[in-house]
Amino acid sequence: MTTPNPSPSTLFDKLWAQHLVHSNDAGVGLIAIDRVFLHERTGGIALKSLRAAGRQVADPARVFGTMDHIVDTHVGRNDDTRMPGGREFIVQTREAARAEGITIFDIGDKRQGIVHVVSPEQGIVLPGLTVVCPDSHTCTQGAMGALAWGIGSTEAEHALATRTLRINRPKTMRITVNGVLGTGVTAKDLALTLLARHGSRGGQGHIVEFAGTAIEALEIEARLTLCNMGAELGCFSTIIAPDEKTFAYLEGRPYAPKGEIWDQAVAYWRTLKTDDGATFDKEIVLDASEVGPMITWGSSPQQAISIDGVVPYADEASAEIHQRAITYMDVTAGQPVEGLKIGSAFIGSCTNSRLSDLRRAAAILKGRKVADGVRAICVPGSGLVKEAAELEGLDKVFIEAGFEWREPGCSMCFFAGGESFGAKERVVSSTNRNFESRQGPETRTHIASPEVVAASAIAGCLADPRKLAA
C-alpha cells in the first residue's frame, strides 16, 4: 500500500491511497476490494463463469449474496417467478454460492432483501471499506463512509478471483448543502432538486462527496436515499464522511466489529473525513431552504419540479428531448402536475423502502383510504424491515388503507421479475428511475418521496402531502 499524501486530502483521496495496489501514469489504479455483494440477476452468472474458467472465489468470507431482483414479492412465494427463466437464475445463484461457501440471504431468510438495504443493516458495508456489486445503485452504500460502486458481471468475476479491480481514477466533486430542510421535505426531494438543477450528467466522471450542515442533520437512512440517487447524476459514486450517527447505527450489527476491535475501528473511522484545505475538482453549494417536495414530470429523473409546479417549457438546446418526454408522459408545457389522475402507487426499491420511509408514509395513510380505482403496493426493503414494521403495526396501516403488503425485493422498481404496471398507466413511485417502459410497457412513472406517493394514493391523483398534514 502507498503512504497517504501529507498534504490536505479529500475523503476519497484517503480511501484511494489506502486501497491502491498499483497505478500508472494514466491515472488507472488497481484497487483492493474488501467486500463483494451479489444478487441473483447477475451473481449466478459471475460465479458460474468463474468456475467455468477454472477459478475460485479468493476469500468467500468477504462475499455475500441475496435474492432481490428477480424473486417474486407476493406472499407465499418460492423459486418460481413471473419472469421467464427466473427460476433458473435463483437456483443457479443459490447452488453456486453454496458451492463457493458464500453467505447468501435466501428466500425464507428474514435477512433477505434488496442488496443496498441488506448490506448496511447487516453491517457488511463499513466506513473505509471498498464495496462492489453488479448493480448501478451500489453508490447507496457510500452513505456509510465506504468507497462503493457498481460494476458489471465480468468485473465481478475479477473481484471475486483476485480481490482487486482496475479502475480509472475519478475526479472529485463536493456538493455542500447548508441550512435546514423544511417540514415534510426529504432526502429524496433534495436529490431530485440537484438533478433538476444539474442534470443526469452533472456528476459524470466524478465521485461526489455530500457535505454541509443539512447533510450532517440527515439520519443514516436518509443519507442512504440521497447517495442512492447519486447514480442518476451519472457520477462514479457518492460518499458521506462517517460520524457519530454512523457509528451508532453500525454498533451491534451482525458483521460489524465487536469489543476491542470495535473501539479500534471507530478510532480509525474518525479519521475518515476531508481535511481542511483539501480541494475538489468541482464544487456545488445549495441552500436547504430552497428545497420543497419534488416530483418528476418527464421520463428522466432530471425532469423534476416542485409538486405544486408546472411542466416547464423547453429551451432551444433540449427541445427534442423535452418534446419526446411530454409526448410520452401525456402532459403539456405549463400544465400543473398536481391533480394528474393516477392508476397505481408504489412504495419500495433500494431508494425508499427502509423502516423510516414506511413510518413516514404510514403517518399519512393512517385513518385514510386509497382512492377508488388506484392500485397501491408497498414492498419493504428487507425481511428485517418488514418484521420491524409489523411489530409497530405499520402493515395494518398500509393494509387498512388499501395497500398490498408484500415480501421484500426489488419488485416493480423495474419489471425484471416479470410483473409490471399497465400499458400507458400513470404511476407515482418512490423508486429512482422513470425511463420509458421502466415499470411496464409505456408506463408513465412519476418519481417522488414516500410521502408524495402516499398522499397521491389517497387523492387518486398527484398530490402535495403538506395539504394532508394533520
Protein backbone atom coordinates (compact mmCIF):
# COMPACT_ATOMS: atom_id res chain seq x y z
CA MET A 1 0.00 0.00 0.00
CA THR A 2 1.19 3.54 -0.69
CA THR A 3 1.77 6.12 2.04
CA PRO A 4 -1.02 8.75 2.19
CA ASN A 5 -0.05 12.16 0.86
CA PRO A 6 0.77 14.52 3.78
CA SER A 7 -0.92 17.46 2.01
CA PRO A 8 -4.65 18.09 2.74
CA SER A 9 -6.67 15.22 1.31
CA THR A 10 -10.29 14.60 0.47
CA LEU A 11 -12.01 11.58 1.97
CA PHE A 12 -11.83 9.91 -1.42
CA ASP A 13 -8.08 10.64 -1.67
CA LYS A 14 -7.56 8.82 1.62
CA LEU A 15 -9.58 5.76 0.65
CA TRP A 16 -7.93 5.58 -2.76
CA ALA A 17 -4.45 5.73 -1.23
CA GLN A 18 -5.28 3.14 1.42
CA HIS A 19 -6.56 0.65 -1.19
CA LEU A 20 -4.18 1.36 -4.06
CA VAL A 21 -2.17 -1.71 -5.07
CA HIS A 22 -0.65 -0.22 -8.21
CA SER A 23 -1.19 2.74 -10.51
CA ASN A 24 0.16 4.04 -13.80
CA ASP A 25 0.79 7.48 -15.23
CA ALA A 26 -2.59 7.47 -16.97
CA GLY A 27 -4.43 7.57 -13.67
CA VAL A 28 -5.51 3.94 -13.77
CA GLY A 29 -5.35 2.18 -10.42
CA LEU A 30 -5.52 -1.40 -9.28
CA ILE A 31 -7.68 -1.17 -6.16
CA ALA A 32 -8.03 -3.73 -3.35
CA ILE A 33 -11.65 -4.83 -2.86
CA ASP A 34 -12.88 -5.53 0.68
CA ARG A 35 -16.45 -6.72 0.03
CA VAL A 36 -18.34 -8.12 -2.96
CA PHE A 37 -22.14 -8.33 -2.86
CA LEU A 38 -24.04 -10.33 -5.48
CA HIS A 39 -27.69 -10.71 -6.41
CA GLU A 40 -29.43 -13.40 -8.42
CA ARG A 41 -29.79 -11.44 -11.65
CA THR A 42 -26.04 -11.23 -12.22
CA GLY A 43 -24.38 -13.03 -9.31
CA GLY A 44 -25.11 -16.55 -10.51
CA ILE A 45 -23.73 -15.67 -13.93
CA ALA A 46 -20.49 -14.32 -12.46
CA LEU A 47 -20.00 -17.35 -10.21
CA LYS A 48 -20.79 -19.81 -13.00
CA SER A 49 -18.38 -18.08 -15.40
CA LEU A 50 -15.69 -18.01 -12.73
CA ARG A 51 -15.94 -21.75 -12.21
CA ALA A 52 -16.03 -22.41 -15.97
CA ALA A 53 -12.72 -20.55 -16.21
CA GLY A 54 -11.23 -22.86 -13.58
CA ARG A 55 -11.02 -20.20 -10.89
CA GLN A 56 -12.37 -19.95 -7.37
CA VAL A 57 -13.55 -17.15 -5.09
CA ALA A 58 -10.40 -15.89 -3.39
CA ASP A 59 -11.99 -15.16 0.00
CA PRO A 60 -15.60 -16.38 0.38
CA ALA A 61 -15.92 -14.73 3.81
CA ARG A 62 -15.80 -11.34 2.09
CA VAL A 63 -18.53 -12.19 -0.43
CA PHE A 64 -22.29 -12.04 0.14
CA GLY A 65 -25.37 -12.68 -1.94
CA THR A 66 -29.10 -12.06 -1.79
CA MET A 67 -32.22 -12.73 -3.80
CA ASP A 68 -33.74 -9.39 -4.75
CA HIS A 69 -34.06 -8.53 -8.44
CA ILE A 70 -35.95 -11.44 -9.94
CA VAL A 71 -37.54 -13.02 -6.87
CA ASP A 72 -41.31 -12.71 -6.60
CA THR A 73 -42.63 -10.47 -3.80
CA HIS A 74 -46.09 -11.96 -3.32
CA VAL A 75 -46.89 -13.72 -0.04
CA GLY A 76 -46.24 -17.47 -0.26
CA ARG A 77 -43.54 -17.12 -2.91
CA ASN A 78 -40.98 -19.76 -3.83
CA ASP A 79 -38.33 -20.18 -6.53
CA ASP A 80 -40.89 -19.68 -9.27
CA THR A 81 -41.19 -16.16 -10.61
CA ARG A 82 -43.19 -14.35 -13.28
CA MET A 83 -40.05 -13.70 -15.29
CA PRO A 84 -39.47 -16.37 -17.96
CA GLY A 85 -36.42 -18.34 -16.87
CA GLY A 86 -36.38 -16.59 -13.50
CA ARG A 87 -36.32 -19.81 -11.51
CA GLU A 88 -33.05 -20.76 -13.20
CA PHE A 89 -31.39 -17.50 -12.08
CA ILE A 90 -32.45 -18.10 -8.46
CA VAL A 91 -31.46 -21.76 -8.32
CA GLN A 92 -28.16 -21.17 -10.12
CA THR A 93 -27.17 -18.39 -7.74
CA ARG A 94 -28.08 -20.44 -4.67
CA GLU A 95 -26.17 -23.52 -5.81
CA ALA A 96 -23.11 -21.55 -6.92
CA ALA A 97 -22.98 -19.58 -3.65
CA ARG A 98 -23.23 -22.71 -1.57
CA ALA A 99 -20.53 -24.42 -3.62
CA GLU A 100 -18.18 -21.47 -3.01
CA GLY A 101 -19.02 -21.12 0.67
CA ILE A 102 -20.55 -17.65 0.20
CA THR A 103 -23.09 -16.28 2.69
CA ILE A 104 -26.42 -15.89 0.91
CA PHE A 105 -29.62 -14.32 2.19
CA ASP A 106 -32.11 -16.64 0.55
CA ILE A 107 -35.87 -16.81 0.18
CA GLY A 108 -37.34 -17.59 3.60
CA ASP A 109 -34.43 -15.97 5.47
CA LYS A 110 -35.65 -12.84 7.24
CA ARG A 111 -32.32 -11.19 6.42
CA GLN A 112 -33.14 -11.42 2.70
CA GLY A 113 -33.89 -8.23 0.87
CA ILE A 114 -32.60 -5.60 -1.53
CA VAL A 115 -28.82 -5.65 -1.57
CA HIS A 116 -28.38 -1.96 -0.69
CA VAL A 117 -30.79 -2.29 2.22
CA VAL A 118 -29.33 -5.57 3.50
CA SER A 119 -25.67 -4.54 3.40
CA PRO A 120 -25.95 -1.56 5.80
CA GLU A 121 -28.41 -3.23 8.17
CA GLN A 122 -26.12 -6.27 8.46
CA GLY A 123 -23.01 -4.14 8.93
CA ILE A 124 -21.43 -5.63 5.81
CA VAL A 125 -20.59 -2.18 4.49
CA LEU A 126 -18.41 -0.29 6.95
CA PRO A 127 -16.61 3.07 6.85
CA GLY A 128 -13.33 2.90 4.97
CA LEU A 129 -14.10 -0.29 3.04
CA THR A 130 -14.25 -0.77 -0.70
CA VAL A 131 -17.51 -2.44 -1.71
CA VAL A 132 -18.60 -3.51 -5.18
CA CYS A 133 -21.76 -5.08 -6.55
CA PRO A 134 -23.02 -5.71 -10.07
CA ASP A 135 -25.71 -3.06 -9.64
CA SER A 136 -25.61 0.61 -10.62
CA HIS A 137 -27.01 1.81 -7.28
CA THR A 138 -24.14 0.44 -5.20
CA CYS A 139 -23.25 4.11 -4.60
CA THR A 140 -26.06 3.95 -1.98
CA GLN A 141 -23.59 2.38 0.42
CA GLY A 142 -21.24 5.35 0.23
CA ALA A 143 -23.55 6.90 2.83
CA MET A 144 -21.68 4.76 5.39
CA GLY A 145 -18.33 6.32 4.56
CA ALA A 146 -17.31 3.49 2.23
CA LEU A 147 -15.95 3.64 -1.30
CA ALA A 148 -18.72 1.67 -3.02
CA TRP A 149 -19.53 1.48 -6.71
CA GLY A 150 -21.42 -0.60 -9.25
CA ILE A 151 -19.70 -2.99 -11.63
CA GLY A 152 -20.54 -5.47 -14.38
CA SER A 153 -20.59 -9.27 -14.21
CA THR A 154 -17.15 -9.57 -15.81
CA GLU A 155 -15.68 -7.14 -13.28
CA ALA A 156 -17.42 -9.13 -10.54
CA GLU A 157 -15.56 -12.24 -11.70
CA HIS A 158 -12.25 -10.37 -11.46
CA ALA A 159 -13.04 -9.05 -7.99
CA LEU A 160 -14.11 -12.49 -6.81
CA ALA A 161 -10.98 -14.18 -8.10
CA THR A 162 -8.35 -11.55 -7.26
CA ARG A 163 -9.91 -9.20 -4.67
CA THR A 164 -8.83 -6.31 -6.90
CA LEU A 165 -10.28 -4.18 -9.69
CA ARG A 166 -8.72 -1.91 -12.28
CA ILE A 167 -10.44 1.49 -12.45
CA ASN A 168 -9.78 4.92 -13.85
CA ARG A 169 -9.34 7.37 -11.01
CA PRO A 170 -12.41 9.64 -10.99
CA LYS A 171 -12.35 13.38 -10.45
CA THR A 172 -13.70 14.76 -7.18
CA MET A 173 -16.79 16.85 -6.54
CA ARG A 174 -18.23 18.21 -3.31
CA ILE A 175 -21.91 19.07 -3.00
CA THR A 176 -22.37 21.17 0.13
CA VAL A 177 -25.89 21.59 1.45
CA ASN A 178 -26.26 24.00 4.35
CA GLY A 179 -29.29 25.18 6.24
CA VAL A 180 -32.39 23.23 7.27
CA LEU A 181 -34.76 21.18 5.12
CA GLY A 182 -38.36 22.27 5.56
CA THR A 183 -41.07 20.25 7.28
CA GLY A 184 -42.00 17.25 5.15
CA VAL A 185 -39.03 17.75 2.83
CA THR A 186 -36.88 14.65 2.45
CA ALA A 187 -33.56 13.43 1.11
CA LYS A 188 -35.43 12.26 -1.99
CA ASP A 189 -36.60 15.83 -2.61
CA LEU A 190 -33.03 17.06 -2.15
CA ALA A 191 -31.77 14.53 -4.69
CA LEU A 192 -34.44 15.47 -7.25
CA THR A 193 -33.66 19.16 -6.76
CA LEU A 194 -29.99 18.51 -7.53
CA LEU A 195 -30.97 16.51 -10.60
CA ALA A 196 -33.32 19.21 -11.84
CA ARG A 197 -30.59 21.84 -11.49
CA HIS A 198 -27.53 19.92 -12.67
CA GLY A 199 -28.91 17.16 -14.89
CA SER A 200 -28.26 13.47 -15.29
CA ARG A 201 -24.65 14.15 -16.31
CA GLY A 202 -23.97 16.61 -13.52
CA GLY A 203 -21.63 14.22 -11.74
CA GLN A 204 -20.20 12.40 -14.74
CA GLY A 205 -16.61 11.29 -14.22
CA HIS A 206 -16.62 12.34 -10.55
CA ILE A 207 -17.00 10.84 -7.13
CA VAL A 208 -19.37 13.09 -5.20
CA GLU A 209 -18.93 13.85 -1.52
CA PHE A 210 -22.05 15.24 0.17
CA ALA A 211 -21.25 17.67 2.98
CA GLY A 212 -22.67 20.57 4.93
CA THR A 213 -24.93 21.09 7.92
CA ALA A 214 -28.04 19.80 6.16
CA ILE A 215 -26.26 16.54 5.30
CA GLU A 216 -24.97 16.16 8.85
CA ALA A 217 -28.55 16.58 10.10
CA LEU A 218 -29.81 13.68 7.95
CA GLU A 219 -30.33 10.34 9.65
CA ILE A 220 -28.49 7.36 8.17
CA GLU A 221 -31.44 6.01 6.18
CA ALA A 222 -31.98 9.44 4.61
CA ARG A 223 -28.28 9.58 3.69
CA LEU A 224 -28.66 6.19 2.01
CA THR A 225 -31.54 7.59 -0.07
CA LEU A 226 -29.50 10.62 -1.10
CA CYS A 227 -26.43 8.59 -2.08
CA ASN A 228 -28.66 6.11 -3.93
CA MET A 229 -29.87 8.87 -6.25
CA GLY A 230 -26.27 9.82 -7.00
CA ALA A 231 -26.38 7.15 -9.69
CA GLU A 232 -28.87 9.35 -11.55
CA LEU A 233 -26.34 12.23 -11.54
CA GLY A 234 -24.11 9.98 -13.64
CA CYS A 235 -21.27 10.01 -11.12
CA PHE A 236 -18.77 7.23 -10.41
CA SER A 237 -20.06 7.04 -6.85
CA THR A 238 -21.10 9.08 -3.82
CA ILE A 239 -19.80 9.27 -0.28
CA ILE A 240 -20.55 10.89 3.08
CA ALA A 241 -17.96 11.12 5.86
CA PRO A 242 -18.85 8.84 8.79
CA ASP A 243 -19.83 10.49 12.07
CA GLU A 244 -21.40 9.64 15.43
CA LYS A 245 -24.69 8.77 13.72
CA THR A 246 -22.86 6.29 11.52
CA PHE A 247 -21.16 4.65 14.49
CA ALA A 248 -24.40 4.43 16.48
CA TYR A 249 -26.18 2.88 13.50
CA LEU A 250 -23.49 0.23 12.97
CA GLU A 251 -22.81 -0.76 16.57
CA GLY A 252 -24.08 -4.28 17.26
CA ARG A 253 -24.80 -5.12 13.62
CA PRO A 254 -24.03 -8.78 12.81
CA TYR A 255 -20.95 -8.13 10.63
CA ALA A 256 -19.69 -5.02 12.43
CA PRO A 257 -16.60 -5.31 14.65
CA LYS A 258 -17.10 -6.25 18.30
CA GLY A 259 -15.38 -5.46 21.59
CA GLU A 260 -11.86 -4.10 21.47
CA ILE A 261 -11.81 -4.29 17.67
CA TRP A 262 -14.89 -2.08 17.58
CA ASP A 263 -13.05 0.60 19.56
CA GLN A 264 -10.08 0.36 17.22
CA ALA A 265 -12.38 0.58 14.20
CA VAL A 266 -14.16 3.69 15.48
CA ALA A 267 -10.82 5.36 16.18
CA TYR A 268 -9.85 4.74 12.54
CA TRP A 269 -13.27 5.77 11.21
CA ARG A 270 -12.94 9.15 12.92
CA THR A 271 -10.01 9.91 10.58
CA LEU A 272 -12.16 9.38 7.51
CA LYS A 273 -13.05 12.94 6.63
CA THR A 274 -11.88 15.56 4.19
CA ASP A 275 -9.05 17.67 5.59
CA ASP A 276 -9.40 21.43 5.92
CA GLY A 277 -7.84 22.99 2.86
CA ALA A 278 -8.36 19.97 0.59
CA THR A 279 -9.50 20.90 -2.91
CA PHE A 280 -12.06 19.34 -5.22
CA ASP A 281 -12.23 19.43 -9.00
CA LYS A 282 -15.76 20.80 -8.77
CA GLU A 283 -17.87 22.37 -6.02
CA ILE A 284 -21.65 22.83 -5.81
CA VAL A 285 -23.38 24.66 -2.97
CA LEU A 286 -27.12 24.53 -2.19
CA ASP A 287 -29.28 26.18 0.46
CA ALA A 288 -31.56 23.54 2.01
CA SER A 289 -34.37 26.08 2.41
CA GLU A 290 -34.72 26.18 -1.39
CA VAL A 291 -35.85 22.52 -1.48
CA GLY A 292 -39.51 21.51 -1.37
CA PRO A 293 -41.48 18.32 -2.14
CA MET A 294 -40.49 17.29 -5.67
CA ILE A 295 -41.82 15.04 -8.40
CA THR A 296 -40.71 14.13 -11.91
CA TRP A 297 -42.86 15.25 -14.83
CA GLY A 298 -40.92 13.56 -17.65
CA SER A 299 -39.12 10.34 -18.49
CA SER A 300 -35.78 11.10 -16.82
CA PRO A 301 -35.02 11.75 -13.13
CA GLN A 302 -33.62 15.18 -14.09
CA GLN A 303 -37.04 16.23 -15.40
CA ALA A 304 -38.28 17.13 -11.94
CA ILE A 305 -40.24 20.05 -10.49
CA SER A 306 -41.90 21.07 -7.25
CA ILE A 307 -45.13 19.16 -6.61
CA ASP A 308 -47.00 22.47 -6.86
CA GLY A 309 -45.16 23.47 -10.05
CA VAL A 310 -45.99 23.23 -13.75
CA VAL A 311 -44.46 21.26 -16.61
CA PRO A 312 -41.69 23.54 -17.94
CA TYR A 313 -41.37 24.87 -21.45
CA ALA A 314 -38.40 23.64 -23.48
CA ASP A 315 -35.29 25.64 -24.11
CA GLU A 316 -33.72 25.54 -27.54
CA ALA A 317 -30.95 23.12 -26.52
CA SER A 318 -33.31 20.44 -25.18
CA ALA A 319 -36.39 20.93 -27.37
CA GLU A 320 -36.36 17.48 -28.98
CA ILE A 321 -35.76 15.57 -25.73
CA HIS A 322 -38.29 17.76 -23.93
CA GLN A 323 -40.98 17.15 -26.56
CA ARG A 324 -40.40 13.41 -26.51
CA ALA A 325 -40.85 13.37 -22.71
CA ILE A 326 -44.02 15.47 -22.93
CA THR A 327 -45.48 13.18 -25.56
CA TYR A 328 -44.55 10.01 -23.70
CA MET A 329 -45.89 11.24 -20.35
CA ASP A 330 -49.03 12.74 -21.94
CA VAL A 331 -48.58 16.17 -20.35
CA THR A 332 -48.33 19.68 -21.78
CA ALA A 333 -45.96 22.57 -21.06
CA GLY A 334 -47.44 24.94 -18.49
CA GLN A 335 -49.70 22.23 -17.04
CA PRO A 336 -49.75 21.72 -13.24
CA VAL A 337 -48.66 18.20 -12.29
CA GLU A 338 -50.69 18.27 -9.09
CA GLY A 339 -54.06 16.74 -9.85
CA LEU A 340 -52.93 14.39 -12.63
CA LYS A 341 -55.00 11.22 -12.23
CA ILE A 342 -53.01 8.07 -11.38
CA GLY A 343 -53.69 4.37 -11.78
CA SER A 344 -51.13 2.99 -9.31
CA ALA A 345 -48.88 3.95 -6.42
CA PHE A 346 -45.69 2.11 -5.43
CA ILE A 347 -43.54 2.36 -2.30
CA GLY A 348 -40.34 0.32 -2.35
CA SER A 349 -36.92 -0.08 -4.02
CA CYS A 350 -33.37 0.46 -2.78
CA THR A 351 -34.17 4.17 -2.64
CA ASN A 352 -37.14 4.35 -0.27
CA SER A 353 -38.09 1.03 1.34
CA ARG A 354 -36.49 1.32 4.75
CA LEU A 355 -38.31 1.48 8.08
CA SER A 356 -38.19 5.28 8.29
CA ASP A 357 -39.70 5.52 4.80
CA LEU A 358 -42.57 3.23 5.77
CA ARG A 359 -43.16 5.13 9.00
CA ARG A 360 -43.47 8.44 7.17
CA ALA A 361 -45.84 7.03 4.56
CA ALA A 362 -47.93 5.29 7.24
CA ALA A 363 -48.30 8.58 9.13
CA ILE A 364 -50.08 9.99 6.07
CA LEU A 365 -52.12 6.85 5.36
CA LYS A 366 -53.38 6.28 8.89
CA GLY A 367 -57.15 6.63 9.06
CA ARG A 368 -57.41 7.23 5.31
CA LYS A 369 -58.24 5.09 2.27
CA VAL A 370 -56.65 4.67 -1.13
CA ALA A 371 -58.84 6.26 -3.80
CA ASP A 372 -61.17 4.04 -5.81
CA GLY A 373 -59.51 2.67 -8.92
CA VAL A 374 -55.96 3.07 -7.62
CA ARG A 375 -53.76 0.02 -7.08
CA ALA A 376 -51.31 0.65 -4.25
CA ILE A 377 -48.35 -1.57 -3.36
CA CYS A 378 -45.77 -1.44 -0.56
CA VAL A 379 -42.67 -3.65 -0.71
CA PRO A 380 -40.38 -3.47 2.36
CA GLY A 381 -36.67 -3.40 1.58
CA SER A 382 -35.77 -6.48 3.63
CA GLY A 383 -37.25 -9.15 5.83
CA LEU A 384 -35.94 -7.30 8.87
CA VAL A 385 -37.58 -4.06 7.74
CA LYS A 386 -40.83 -5.96 7.21
CA GLU A 387 -40.58 -7.61 10.62
CA ALA A 388 -39.89 -4.31 12.39
CA ALA A 389 -42.73 -2.59 10.54
CA GLU A 390 -45.14 -5.34 11.53
CA LEU A 391 -44.07 -5.11 15.18
CA GLU A 392 -45.04 -1.44 15.03
CA GLY A 393 -48.33 -2.21 13.30
CA LEU A 394 -47.38 -0.37 10.14
CA ASP A 395 -48.51 -3.29 8.00
CA LYS A 396 -52.04 -2.88 9.36
CA VAL A 397 -51.99 0.82 8.49
CA PHE A 398 -50.99 0.05 4.89
CA ILE A 399 -53.44 -2.82 4.51
CA GLU A 400 -56.37 -0.96 6.08
CA ALA A 401 -55.67 1.97 3.78
CA GLY A 402 -55.85 -0.34 0.77
CA PHE A 403 -52.20 -1.10 0.01
CA GLU A 404 -50.87 -4.55 -0.87
CA TRP A 405 -48.28 -5.57 1.74
CA ARG A 406 -45.56 -7.60 0.05
CA GLU A 407 -42.46 -9.69 0.76
CA PRO A 408 -39.09 -7.94 0.31
CA GLY A 409 -37.40 -7.47 -3.05
CA CYS A 410 -36.90 -5.04 -5.91
CA SER A 411 -40.38 -5.84 -7.23
CA MET A 412 -41.74 -3.33 -9.72
CA CYS A 413 -38.92 -0.82 -9.45
CA PHE A 414 -38.46 -2.34 -12.89
CA PHE A 415 -40.13 -5.45 -14.18
CA ALA A 416 -37.19 -7.86 -14.24
CA GLY A 417 -39.32 -10.10 -12.05
CA GLY A 418 -41.91 -10.34 -14.78
CA GLU A 419 -44.52 -8.20 -13.03
CA SER A 420 -45.39 -4.74 -14.32
CA PHE A 421 -47.88 -1.93 -14.24
CA GLY A 422 -50.27 -1.49 -17.13
CA ALA A 423 -49.59 -0.11 -20.59
CA LYS A 424 -49.51 3.71 -20.53
CA GLU A 425 -50.65 3.65 -16.91
CA ARG A 426 -49.73 6.69 -14.81
CA VAL A 427 -47.84 5.58 -11.68
CA VAL A 428 -46.41 7.53 -8.76
CA SER A 429 -43.41 5.70 -7.36
CA SER A 430 -40.74 6.03 -4.65
CA THR A 431 -38.18 4.43 -6.97
CA ASN A 432 -35.14 6.04 -8.61
CA ARG A 433 -35.75 5.78 -12.35
CA ASN A 434 -38.61 6.72 -14.63
CA PHE A 435 -37.18 5.83 -18.03
CA GLU A 436 -39.57 4.83 -20.78
CA SER A 437 -41.15 1.44 -20.00
CA ARG A 438 -39.12 1.12 -16.77
CA GLN A 439 -42.12 -0.15 -14.76
CA GLY A 440 -44.15 -1.62 -17.60
CA PRO A 441 -44.96 -1.24 -21.31
CA GLU A 442 -45.07 2.53 -21.93
CA THR A 443 -45.88 3.04 -18.24
CA ARG A 444 -45.75 6.71 -17.20
CA THR A 445 -43.81 6.87 -13.94
CA HIS A 446 -43.58 9.92 -11.67
CA ILE A 447 -40.77 9.60 -9.09
CA ALA A 448 -41.34 11.13 -5.67
CA SER A 449 -40.86 10.62 -1.92
CA PRO A 450 -42.92 8.03 0.01
CA GLU A 451 -44.94 10.96 1.42
CA VAL A 452 -45.95 12.15 -2.05
CA VAL A 453 -46.75 8.58 -3.09
CA ALA A 454 -48.95 8.04 -0.05
CA ALA A 455 -50.76 11.37 -0.46
CA SER A 456 -51.32 10.68 -4.17
CA ALA A 457 -52.68 7.20 -3.50
CA ILE A 458 -55.28 8.72 -1.17
CA ALA A 459 -56.18 11.55 -3.54
CA GLY A 460 -56.25 9.39 -6.67
CA CYS A 461 -54.03 11.95 -8.37
CA LEU A 462 -50.61 13.50 -7.87
CA ALA A 463 -50.90 15.32 -4.56
CA ASP A 464 -48.96 17.53 -2.15
CA PRO A 465 -48.58 15.75 1.23
CA ARG A 466 -48.37 19.10 3.02
CA LYS A 467 -52.06 19.60 2.29
CA LEU A 468 -52.90 16.36 4.17
CA ALA A 469 -50.90 17.24 7.26
CA ALA A 470 -52.96 16.95 10.42
